[in-house]
ModelCIF file with pLDDT and N, C-alpha, C, O atoms, coordinates in Angstrom:
data_MODEL
#
_entry.id   MODEL 
#
_entity.id                         1 
_entity.type                       polymer 
_entity.pdbx_number_of_molecules   1 
#
_entity_poly.entity_id                      1 
_entity_poly.type                           'polypeptide(L)' 
_entity_poly.nstd_linkage                   no 
_entity_poly.nstd_monomer                   no 
_entity_poly.pdbx_seq_one_letter_code       VVIEGHTYIGEDNRIYPFSSIGTPPQDIGYRGEDTRLNIGDKN 
_entity_poly.pdbx_seq_one_letter_code_can   VVIEGHTYIGEDNRIYPFSSIGTPPQDIGYRGEDTRLNIGDKN 
_entity_poly.pdbx_strand_id                 A 
#
loop_
_entity_poly_seq.entity_id 
_entity_poly_seq.num 
_entity_poly_seq.mon_id 
_entity_poly_seq.hetero 
1 1  VAL n 
1 2  VAL n 
1 3  ILE n 
1 4  GLU n 
1 5  GLY n 
1 6  HIS n 
1 7  THR n 
1 8  TYR n 
1 9  ILE n 
1 10 GLY n 
1 11 GLU n 
1 12 ASP n 
1 13 ASN n 
1 14 ARG n 
1 15 ILE n 
1 16 TYR n 
1 17 PRO n 
1 18 PHE n 
1 19 SER n 
1 20 SER n 
1 21 ILE n 
1 22 GLY n 
1 23 THR n 
1 24 PRO n 
1 25 PRO n 
1 26 GLN n 
1 27 ASP n 
1 28 ILE n 
1 29 GLY n 
1 30 TYR n 
1 31 ARG n 
1 32 GLY n 
1 33 GLU n 
1 34 ASP n 
1 35 THR n 
1 36 ARG n 
1 37 LEU n 
1 38 ASN n 
1 39 ILE n 
1 40 GLY n 
1 41 ASP n 
1 42 LYS n 
1 43 ASN n 
#
_struct_asym.id          A 
_struct_asym.entity_id   1 
#
loop_
_ma_qa_metric.id 
_ma_qa_metric.mode 
_ma_qa_metric.name 
_ma_qa_metric.software_group_id 
_ma_qa_metric.type 
1 global pLDDT . pLDDT 
2 local  pLDDT . pLDDT 
#
_ma_qa_metric_global.metric_id      1 
_ma_qa_metric_global.metric_value   97.42 
_ma_qa_metric_global.model_id       1 
_ma_qa_metric_global.ordinal_id     1 
#
loop_
_ma_qa_metric_local.label_asym_id 
_ma_qa_metric_local.label_comp_id 
_ma_qa_metric_local.label_seq_id 
_ma_qa_metric_local.metric_id 
_ma_qa_metric_local.metric_value 
_ma_qa_metric_local.model_id 
_ma_qa_metric_local.ordinal_id 
A VAL 1  2 98.00 1 1  
A VAL 2  2 98.00 1 2  
A ILE 3  2 98.00 1 3  
A GLU 4  2 98.00 1 4  
A GLY 5  2 97.00 1 5  
A HIS 6  2 98.00 1 6  
A THR 7  2 98.00 1 7  
A TYR 8  2 98.00 1 8  
A ILE 9  2 98.00 1 9  
A GLY 10 2 98.00 1 10 
A GLU 11 2 98.00 1 11 
A ASP 12 2 98.00 1 12 
A ASN 13 2 98.00 1 13 
A ARG 14 2 98.00 1 14 
A ILE 15 2 98.00 1 15 
A TYR 16 2 98.00 1 16 
A PRO 17 2 98.00 1 17 
A PHE 18 2 98.00 1 18 
A SER 19 2 98.00 1 19 
A SER 20 2 98.00 1 20 
A ILE 21 2 98.00 1 21 
A GLY 22 2 98.00 1 22 
A THR 23 2 98.00 1 23 
A PRO 24 2 98.00 1 24 
A PRO 25 2 98.00 1 25 
A GLN 26 2 97.00 1 26 
A ASP 27 2 96.00 1 27 
A ILE 28 2 95.00 1 28 
A GLY 29 2 94.00 1 29 
A TYR 30 2 95.00 1 30 
A ARG 31 2 95.00 1 31 
A GLY 32 2 94.00 1 32 
A GLU 33 2 96.00 1 33 
A ASP 34 2 95.00 1 34 
A THR 35 2 98.00 1 35 
A ARG 36 2 98.00 1 36 
A LEU 37 2 98.00 1 37 
A ASN 38 2 98.00 1 38 
A ILE 39 2 98.00 1 39 
A GLY 40 2 98.00 1 40 
A ASP 41 2 98.00 1 41 
A LYS 42 2 98.00 1 42 
A ASN 43 2 99.00 1 43 
#
loop_
_atom_site.group_PDB 
_atom_site.id 
_atom_site.type_symbol 
_atom_site.label_atom_id 
_atom_site.label_alt_id 
_atom_site.label_comp_id 
_atom_site.label_asym_id 
_atom_site.label_entity_id 
_atom_site.label_seq_id 
_atom_site.pdbx_PDB_ins_code 
_atom_site.Cartn_x 
_atom_site.Cartn_y 
_atom_site.Cartn_z 
_atom_site.occupancy 
_atom_site.B_iso_or_equiv 
_atom_site.pdbx_formal_charge 
_atom_site.auth_seq_id 
_atom_site.auth_comp_id 
_atom_site.auth_asym_id 
_atom_site.auth_atom_id 
_atom_site.pdbx_PDB_model_num 
ATOM 1   N N  . VAL A 1 1  ? 315.686 58.904 -50.290 1.00 98.00 ? 1  VAL A N  1 
ATOM 2   C CA . VAL A 1 1  ? 314.892 57.672 -50.219 1.00 98.00 ? 1  VAL A CA 1 
ATOM 3   C C  . VAL A 1 1  ? 314.664 57.317 -48.749 1.00 98.00 ? 1  VAL A C  1 
ATOM 4   O O  . VAL A 1 1  ? 315.573 57.452 -47.930 1.00 98.00 ? 1  VAL A O  1 
ATOM 5   N N  . VAL A 1 2  ? 313.463 56.866 -48.415 1.00 98.00 ? 2  VAL A N  1 
ATOM 6   C CA . VAL A 1 2  ? 313.148 56.391 -47.071 1.00 98.00 ? 2  VAL A CA 1 
ATOM 7   C C  . VAL A 1 2  ? 312.868 54.891 -47.135 1.00 98.00 ? 2  VAL A C  1 
ATOM 8   O O  . VAL A 1 2  ? 311.989 54.449 -47.875 1.00 98.00 ? 2  VAL A O  1 
ATOM 9   N N  . ILE A 1 3  ? 313.619 54.111 -46.354 1.00 98.00 ? 3  ILE A N  1 
ATOM 10  C CA . ILE A 1 3  ? 313.398 52.661 -46.259 1.00 98.00 ? 3  ILE A CA 1 
ATOM 11  C C  . ILE A 1 3  ? 313.304 52.321 -44.782 1.00 98.00 ? 3  ILE A C  1 
ATOM 12  O O  . ILE A 1 3  ? 314.230 52.604 -44.022 1.00 98.00 ? 3  ILE A O  1 
ATOM 13  N N  . GLU A 1 4  ? 312.209 51.722 -44.369 1.00 98.00 ? 4  GLU A N  1 
ATOM 14  C CA . GLU A 1 4  ? 312.014 51.434 -42.956 1.00 98.00 ? 4  GLU A CA 1 
ATOM 15  C C  . GLU A 1 4  ? 311.262 50.126 -42.780 1.00 98.00 ? 4  GLU A C  1 
ATOM 16  O O  . GLU A 1 4  ? 310.937 49.444 -43.751 1.00 98.00 ? 4  GLU A O  1 
ATOM 17  N N  . GLY A 1 5  ? 310.986 49.783 -41.511 1.00 97.00 ? 5  GLY A N  1 
ATOM 18  C CA . GLY A 1 5  ? 310.274 48.556 -41.198 1.00 97.00 ? 5  GLY A CA 1 
ATOM 19  C C  . GLY A 1 5  ? 311.142 47.330 -41.413 1.00 97.00 ? 5  GLY A C  1 
ATOM 20  O O  . GLY A 1 5  ? 312.335 47.436 -41.699 1.00 97.00 ? 5  GLY A O  1 
ATOM 21  N N  . HIS A 1 6  ? 310.522 46.160 -41.272 1.00 98.00 ? 6  HIS A N  1 
ATOM 22  C CA . HIS A 1 6  ? 311.213 44.892 -41.527 1.00 98.00 ? 6  HIS A CA 1 
ATOM 23  C C  . HIS A 1 6  ? 311.234 44.682 -43.042 1.00 98.00 ? 6  HIS A C  1 
ATOM 24  O O  . HIS A 1 6  ? 310.402 43.963 -43.595 1.00 98.00 ? 6  HIS A O  1 
ATOM 25  N N  . THR A 1 7  ? 312.186 45.314 -43.687 1.00 98.00 ? 7  THR A N  1 
ATOM 26  C CA . THR A 1 7  ? 312.276 45.324 -45.137 1.00 98.00 ? 7  THR A CA 1 
ATOM 27  C C  . THR A 1 7  ? 313.555 44.637 -45.583 1.00 98.00 ? 7  THR A C  1 
ATOM 28  O O  . THR A 1 7  ? 314.649 44.997 -45.148 1.00 98.00 ? 7  THR A O  1 
ATOM 29  N N  . TYR A 1 8  ? 313.410 43.648 -46.450 1.00 98.00 ? 8  TYR A N  1 
ATOM 30  C CA . TYR A 1 8  ? 314.562 42.974 -47.055 1.00 98.00 ? 8  TYR A CA 1 
ATOM 31  C C  . TYR A 1 8  ? 314.622 43.349 -48.526 1.00 98.00 ? 8  TYR A C  1 
ATOM 32  O O  . TYR A 1 8  ? 313.637 43.199 -49.249 1.00 98.00 ? 8  TYR A O  1 
ATOM 33  N N  . ILE A 1 9  ? 315.766 43.833 -48.970 1.00 98.00 ? 9  ILE A N  1 
ATOM 34  C CA . ILE A 1 9  ? 315.993 44.183 -50.367 1.00 98.00 ? 9  ILE A CA 1 
ATOM 35  C C  . ILE A 1 9  ? 317.178 43.376 -50.863 1.00 98.00 ? 9  ILE A C  1 
ATOM 36  O O  . ILE A 1 9  ? 318.244 43.403 -50.249 1.00 98.00 ? 9  ILE A O  1 
ATOM 37  N N  . GLY A 1 10 ? 317.009 42.660 -51.960 1.00 98.00 ? 10 GLY A N  1 
ATOM 38  C CA . GLY A 1 10 ? 318.047 41.765 -52.458 1.00 98.00 ? 10 GLY A CA 1 
ATOM 39  C C  . GLY A 1 10 ? 319.194 42.499 -53.150 1.00 98.00 ? 10 GLY A C  1 
ATOM 40  O O  . GLY A 1 10 ? 319.485 43.658 -52.852 1.00 98.00 ? 10 GLY A O  1 
ATOM 41  N N  . GLU A 1 11 ? 319.829 41.802 -54.072 1.00 98.00 ? 11 GLU A N  1 
ATOM 42  C CA . GLU A 1 11 ? 321.042 42.303 -54.702 1.00 98.00 ? 11 GLU A CA 1 
ATOM 43  C C  . GLU A 1 11 ? 320.754 43.060 -56.001 1.00 98.00 ? 11 GLU A C  1 
ATOM 44  O O  . GLU A 1 11 ? 319.787 42.779 -56.709 1.00 98.00 ? 11 GLU A O  1 
ATOM 45  N N  . ASP A 1 12 ? 321.628 44.029 -56.285 1.00 98.00 ? 12 ASP A N  1 
ATOM 46  C CA . ASP A 1 12 ? 321.677 44.721 -57.588 1.00 98.00 ? 12 ASP A CA 1 
ATOM 47  C C  . ASP A 1 12 ? 320.366 45.423 -57.947 1.00 98.00 ? 12 ASP A C  1 
ATOM 48  O O  . ASP A 1 12 ? 319.995 45.492 -59.119 1.00 98.00 ? 12 ASP A O  1 
ATOM 49  N N  . ASN A 1 13 ? 319.681 45.933 -56.952 1.00 98.00 ? 13 ASN A N  1 
ATOM 50  C CA . ASN A 1 13 ? 318.501 46.760 -57.206 1.00 98.00 ? 13 ASN A CA 1 
ATOM 51  C C  . ASN A 1 13 ? 318.916 48.215 -57.393 1.00 98.00 ? 13 ASN A C  1 
ATOM 52  O O  . ASN A 1 13 ? 319.971 48.634 -56.916 1.00 98.00 ? 13 ASN A O  1 
ATOM 53  N N  . ARG A 1 14 ? 318.086 48.978 -58.085 1.00 98.00 ? 14 ARG A N  1 
ATOM 54  C CA . ARG A 1 14 ? 318.324 50.410 -58.273 1.00 98.00 ? 14 ARG A CA 1 
ATOM 55  C C  . ARG A 1 14 ? 317.074 51.146 -57.829 1.00 98.00 ? 14 ARG A C  1 
ATOM 56  O O  . ARG A 1 14 ? 316.016 51.010 -58.443 1.00 98.00 ? 14 ARG A O  1 
ATOM 57  N N  . ILE A 1 15 ? 317.198 51.934 -56.751 1.00 98.00 ? 15 ILE A N  1 
ATOM 58  C CA . ILE A 1 15 ? 316.074 52.659 -56.181 1.00 98.00 ? 15 ILE A CA 1 
ATOM 59  C C  . ILE A 1 15 ? 316.341 54.150 -56.346 1.00 98.00 ? 15 ILE A C  1 
ATOM 60  O O  . ILE A 1 15 ? 317.341 54.664 -55.846 1.00 98.00 ? 15 ILE A O  1 
ATOM 61  N N  . TYR A 1 16 ? 315.462 54.833 -57.036 1.00 98.00 ? 16 TYR A N  1 
ATOM 62  C CA . TYR A 1 16 ? 315.662 56.219 -57.435 1.00 98.00 ? 16 TYR A CA 1 
ATOM 63  C C  . TYR A 1 16 ? 315.168 57.194 -56.362 1.00 98.00 ? 16 TYR A C  1 
ATOM 64  O O  . TYR A 1 16 ? 314.490 56.784 -55.420 1.00 98.00 ? 16 TYR A O  1 
ATOM 65  N N  . PRO A 1 17 ? 315.503 58.483 -56.498 1.00 98.00 ? 17 PRO A N  1 
ATOM 66  C CA . PRO A 1 17 ? 315.199 59.469 -55.449 1.00 98.00 ? 17 PRO A CA 1 
ATOM 67  C C  . PRO A 1 17 ? 313.714 59.568 -55.087 1.00 98.00 ? 17 PRO A C  1 
ATOM 68  O O  . PRO A 1 17 ? 312.819 59.387 -55.913 1.00 98.00 ? 17 PRO A O  1 
ATOM 69  N N  . PHE A 1 18 ? 313.510 59.869 -53.799 1.00 98.00 ? 18 PHE A N  1 
ATOM 70  C CA . PHE A 1 18 ? 312.201 60.188 -53.222 1.00 98.00 ? 18 PHE A CA 1 
ATOM 71  C C  . PHE A 1 18 ? 311.256 58.991 -53.160 1.00 98.00 ? 18 PHE A C  1 
ATOM 72  O O  . PHE A 1 18 ? 310.057 59.171 -52.952 1.00 98.00 ? 18 PHE A O  1 
ATOM 73  N N  . SER A 1 19 ? 311.764 57.786 -53.333 1.00 98.00 ? 19 SER A N  1 
ATOM 74  C CA . SER A 1 19 ? 310.928 56.602 -53.127 1.00 98.00 ? 19 SER A CA 1 
ATOM 75  C C  . SER A 1 19 ? 310.720 56.367 -51.632 1.00 98.00 ? 19 SER A C  1 
ATOM 76  O O  . SER A 1 19 ? 311.550 56.751 -50.808 1.00 98.00 ? 19 SER A O  1 
ATOM 77  N N  . SER A 1 20 ? 309.601 55.732 -51.301 1.00 98.00 ? 20 SER A N  1 
ATOM 78  C CA . SER A 1 20 ? 309.276 55.399 -49.913 1.00 98.00 ? 20 SER A CA 1 
ATOM 79  C C  . SER A 1 20 ? 308.995 53.899 -49.847 1.00 98.00 ? 20 SER A C  1 
ATOM 80  O O  . SER A 1 20 ? 308.014 53.414 -50.411 1.00 98.00 ? 20 SER A O  1 
ATOM 81  N N  . ILE A 1 21 ? 309.859 53.183 -49.159 1.00 98.00 ? 21 ILE A N  1 
ATOM 82  C CA . ILE A 1 21 ? 309.866 51.720 -49.200 1.00 98.00 ? 21 ILE A CA 1 
ATOM 83  C C  . ILE A 1 21 ? 309.701 51.164 -47.779 1.00 98.00 ? 21 ILE A C  1 
ATOM 84  O O  . ILE A 1 21 ? 310.444 51.534 -46.870 1.00 98.00 ? 21 ILE A O  1 
ATOM 85  N N  . GLY A 1 22 ? 308.720 50.273 -47.601 1.00 98.00 ? 22 GLY A N  1 
ATOM 86  C CA . GLY A 1 22 ? 308.573 49.580 -46.322 1.00 98.00 ? 22 GLY A CA 1 
ATOM 87  C C  . GLY A 1 22 ? 307.864 50.369 -45.247 1.00 98.00 ? 22 GLY A C  1 
ATOM 88  O O  . GLY A 1 22 ? 307.916 50.001 -44.073 1.00 98.00 ? 22 GLY A O  1 
ATOM 89  N N  . THR A 1 23 ? 307.200 51.454 -45.626 1.00 98.00 ? 23 THR A N  1 
ATOM 90  C CA . THR A 1 23 ? 306.444 52.222 -44.644 1.00 98.00 ? 23 THR A CA 1 
ATOM 91  C C  . THR A 1 23 ? 305.153 51.478 -44.283 1.00 98.00 ? 23 THR A C  1 
ATOM 92  O O  . THR A 1 23 ? 304.772 50.542 -44.987 1.00 98.00 ? 23 THR A O  1 
ATOM 93  N N  . PRO A 1 24 ? 304.476 51.876 -43.203 1.00 98.00 ? 24 PRO A N  1 
ATOM 94  C CA . PRO A 1 24 ? 303.311 51.118 -42.746 1.00 98.00 ? 24 PRO A CA 1 
ATOM 95  C C  . PRO A 1 24 ? 302.191 51.083 -43.775 1.00 98.00 ? 24 PRO A C  1 
ATOM 96  O O  . PRO A 1 24 ? 302.070 51.990 -44.598 1.00 98.00 ? 24 PRO A O  1 
ATOM 97  N N  . PRO A 1 25 ? 301.376 50.042 -43.728 1.00 98.00 ? 25 PRO A N  1 
ATOM 98  C CA . PRO A 1 25 ? 300.249 49.934 -44.667 1.00 98.00 ? 25 PRO A CA 1 
ATOM 99  C C  . PRO A 1 25 ? 299.204 51.005 -44.384 1.00 98.00 ? 25 PRO A C  1 
ATOM 100 O O  . PRO A 1 25 ? 299.038 51.448 -43.248 1.00 98.00 ? 25 PRO A O  1 
ATOM 101 N N  . GLN A 1 26 ? 298.501 51.412 -45.440 1.00 97.00 ? 26 GLN A N  1 
ATOM 102 C CA . GLN A 1 26 ? 297.386 52.338 -45.280 1.00 97.00 ? 26 GLN A CA 1 
ATOM 103 C C  . GLN A 1 26 ? 296.141 51.522 -44.925 1.00 97.00 ? 26 GLN A C  1 
ATOM 104 O O  . GLN A 1 26 ? 295.254 51.308 -45.751 1.00 97.00 ? 26 GLN A O  1 
ATOM 105 N N  . ASP A 1 27 ? 296.107 51.085 -43.691 1.00 96.00 ? 27 ASP A N  1 
ATOM 106 C CA . ASP A 1 27 ? 295.026 50.220 -43.204 1.00 96.00 ? 27 ASP A CA 1 
ATOM 107 C C  . ASP A 1 27 ? 294.685 50.664 -41.794 1.00 96.00 ? 27 ASP A C  1 
ATOM 108 O O  . ASP A 1 27 ? 295.545 50.663 -40.913 1.00 96.00 ? 27 ASP A O  1 
ATOM 109 N N  . ILE A 1 28 ? 293.426 51.045 -41.577 1.00 95.00 ? 28 ILE A N  1 
ATOM 110 C CA . ILE A 1 28 ? 293.054 51.609 -40.276 1.00 95.00 ? 28 ILE A CA 1 
ATOM 111 C C  . ILE A 1 28 ? 293.152 50.589 -39.151 1.00 95.00 ? 28 ILE A C  1 
ATOM 112 O O  . ILE A 1 28 ? 293.162 50.971 -37.981 1.00 95.00 ? 28 ILE A O  1 
ATOM 113 N N  . GLY A 1 29 ? 293.225 49.284 -39.481 1.00 94.00 ? 29 GLY A N  1 
ATOM 114 C CA . GLY A 1 29 ? 293.345 48.264 -38.456 1.00 94.00 ? 29 GLY A CA 1 
ATOM 115 C C  . GLY A 1 29 ? 294.774 47.937 -38.082 1.00 94.00 ? 29 GLY A C  1 
ATOM 116 O O  . GLY A 1 29 ? 294.999 47.150 -37.162 1.00 94.00 ? 29 GLY A O  1 
ATOM 117 N N  . TYR A 1 30 ? 295.739 48.513 -38.764 1.00 95.00 ? 30 TYR A N  1 
ATOM 118 C CA . TYR A 1 30 ? 297.142 48.204 -38.479 1.00 95.00 ? 30 TYR A CA 1 
ATOM 119 C C  . TYR A 1 30 ? 297.566 48.853 -37.174 1.00 95.00 ? 30 TYR A C  1 
ATOM 120 O O  . TYR A 1 30 ? 297.271 50.021 -36.924 1.00 95.00 ? 30 TYR A O  1 
ATOM 121 N N  . ARG A 1 31 ? 298.264 48.079 -36.339 1.00 95.00 ? 31 ARG A N  1 
ATOM 122 C CA . ARG A 1 31 ? 298.652 48.555 -35.013 1.00 95.00 ? 31 ARG A CA 1 
ATOM 123 C C  . ARG A 1 31 ? 300.164 48.460 -34.796 1.00 95.00 ? 31 ARG A C  1 
ATOM 124 O O  . ARG A 1 31 ? 300.618 48.273 -33.667 1.00 95.00 ? 31 ARG A O  1 
ATOM 125 N N  . GLY A 1 32 ? 300.929 48.585 -35.854 1.00 94.00 ? 32 GLY A N  1 
ATOM 126 C CA . GLY A 1 32 ? 302.380 48.600 -35.700 1.00 94.00 ? 32 GLY A CA 1 
ATOM 127 C C  . GLY A 1 32 ? 303.031 47.237 -35.603 1.00 94.00 ? 32 GLY A C  1 
ATOM 128 O O  . GLY A 1 32 ? 304.174 47.128 -35.159 1.00 94.00 ? 32 GLY A O  1 
ATOM 129 N N  . GLU A 1 33 ? 302.316 46.181 -36.015 1.00 96.00 ? 33 GLU A N  1 
ATOM 130 C CA . GLU A 1 33 ? 302.889 44.836 -35.941 1.00 96.00 ? 33 GLU A CA 1 
ATOM 131 C C  . GLU A 1 33 ? 304.112 44.698 -36.869 1.00 96.00 ? 33 GLU A C  1 
ATOM 132 O O  . GLU A 1 33 ? 304.285 45.474 -37.809 1.00 96.00 ? 33 GLU A O  1 
ATOM 133 N N  . ASP A 1 34 ? 304.944 43.702 -36.581 1.00 95.00 ? 34 ASP A N  1 
ATOM 134 C CA . ASP A 1 34 ? 306.194 43.501 -37.331 1.00 95.00 ? 34 ASP A CA 1 
ATOM 135 C C  . ASP A 1 34 ? 305.932 42.745 -38.638 1.00 95.00 ? 34 ASP A C  1 
ATOM 136 O O  . ASP A 1 34 ? 306.427 41.635 -38.835 1.00 95.00 ? 34 ASP A O  1 
ATOM 137 N N  . THR A 1 35 ? 305.164 43.350 -39.505 1.00 98.00 ? 35 THR A N  1 
ATOM 138 C CA . THR A 1 35 ? 304.942 42.760 -40.820 1.00 98.00 ? 35 THR A CA 1 
ATOM 139 C C  . THR A 1 35 ? 306.131 43.067 -41.726 1.00 98.00 ? 35 THR A C  1 
ATOM 140 O O  . THR A 1 35 ? 307.020 43.827 -41.345 1.00 98.00 ? 35 THR A O  1 
ATOM 141 N N  . ARG A 1 36 ? 306.152 42.481 -42.921 1.00 98.00 ? 36 ARG A N  1 
ATOM 142 C CA . ARG A 1 36 ? 307.364 42.478 -43.742 1.00 98.00 ? 36 ARG A CA 1 
ATOM 143 C C  . ARG A 1 36 ? 307.124 43.035 -45.146 1.00 98.00 ? 36 ARG A C  1 
ATOM 144 O O  . ARG A 1 36 ? 306.006 43.071 -45.659 1.00 98.00 ? 36 ARG A O  1 
ATOM 145 N N  . LEU A 1 37 ? 308.246 43.467 -45.738 1.00 98.00 ? 37 LEU A N  1 
ATOM 146 C CA . LEU A 1 37 ? 308.333 43.731 -47.166 1.00 98.00 ? 37 LEU A CA 1 
ATOM 147 C C  . LEU A 1 37 ? 309.560 43.007 -47.673 1.00 98.00 ? 37 LEU A C  1 
ATOM 148 O O  . LEU A 1 37 ? 310.656 43.187 -47.142 1.00 98.00 ? 37 LEU A O  1 
ATOM 149 N N  . ASN A 1 38 ? 309.387 42.193 -48.693 1.00 98.00 ? 38 ASN A N  1 
ATOM 150 C CA . ASN A 1 38 ? 310.483 41.398 -49.246 1.00 98.00 ? 38 ASN A CA 1 
ATOM 151 C C  . ASN A 1 38 ? 310.636 41.720 -50.729 1.00 98.00 ? 38 ASN A C  1 
ATOM 152 O O  . ASN A 1 38 ? 309.728 41.466 -51.520 1.00 98.00 ? 38 ASN A O  1 
ATOM 153 N N  . ILE A 1 39 ? 311.783 42.277 -51.104 1.00 98.00 ? 39 ILE A N  1 
ATOM 154 C CA . ILE A 1 39 ? 312.067 42.651 -52.490 1.00 98.00 ? 39 ILE A CA 1 
ATOM 155 C C  . ILE A 1 39 ? 313.241 41.819 -52.984 1.00 98.00 ? 39 ILE A C  1 
ATOM 156 O O  . ILE A 1 39 ? 314.253 41.695 -52.294 1.00 98.00 ? 39 ILE A O  1 
ATOM 157 N N  . GLY A 1 40 ? 313.105 41.245 -54.186 1.00 98.00 ? 40 GLY A N  1 
ATOM 158 C CA . GLY A 1 40 ? 314.131 40.360 -54.727 1.00 98.00 ? 40 GLY A CA 1 
ATOM 159 C C  . GLY A 1 40 ? 315.307 41.107 -55.331 1.00 98.00 ? 40 GLY A C  1 
ATOM 160 O O  . GLY A 1 40 ? 315.734 42.138 -54.812 1.00 98.00 ? 40 GLY A O  1 
ATOM 161 N N  . ASP A 1 41 ? 315.825 40.580 -56.432 1.00 98.00 ? 41 ASP A N  1 
ATOM 162 C CA . ASP A 1 41 ? 317.056 41.084 -57.046 1.00 98.00 ? 41 ASP A CA 1 
ATOM 163 C C  . ASP A 1 41 ? 316.779 41.815 -58.361 1.00 98.00 ? 41 ASP A C  1 
ATOM 164 O O  . ASP A 1 41 ? 315.806 41.524 -59.057 1.00 98.00 ? 41 ASP A O  1 
ATOM 165 N N  . LYS A 1 42 ? 317.650 42.766 -58.684 1.00 98.00 ? 42 LYS A N  1 
ATOM 166 C CA . LYS A 1 42 ? 317.706 43.425 -59.999 1.00 98.00 ? 42 LYS A CA 1 
ATOM 167 C C  . LYS A 1 42 ? 316.398 44.123 -60.372 1.00 98.00 ? 42 LYS A C  1 
ATOM 168 O O  . LYS A 1 42 ? 316.001 44.141 -61.537 1.00 98.00 ? 42 LYS A O  1 
ATOM 169 N N  . ASN A 1 43 ? 315.747 44.687 -59.379 1.00 99.00 ? 43 ASN A N  1 
ATOM 170 C CA . ASN A 1 43 ? 314.562 45.496 -59.637 1.00 99.00 ? 43 ASN A CA 1 
ATOM 171 C C  . ASN A 1 43 ? 314.961 46.954 -59.862 1.00 99.00 ? 43 ASN A C  1 
ATOM 172 O O  . ASN A 1 43 ? 314.099 47.800 -60.096 1.00 99.00 ? 43 ASN A O  1 
#
């Protein structure tokens, strides 16, 4: 699993193999700004 960026993941989540979490957006205007991903609990 790859988790990067300013990513918050809450409690009791289950993330399975080969997932990619918090990687940069697929947007040609993105310039590496400190944007966020926020994931709650029990996902």
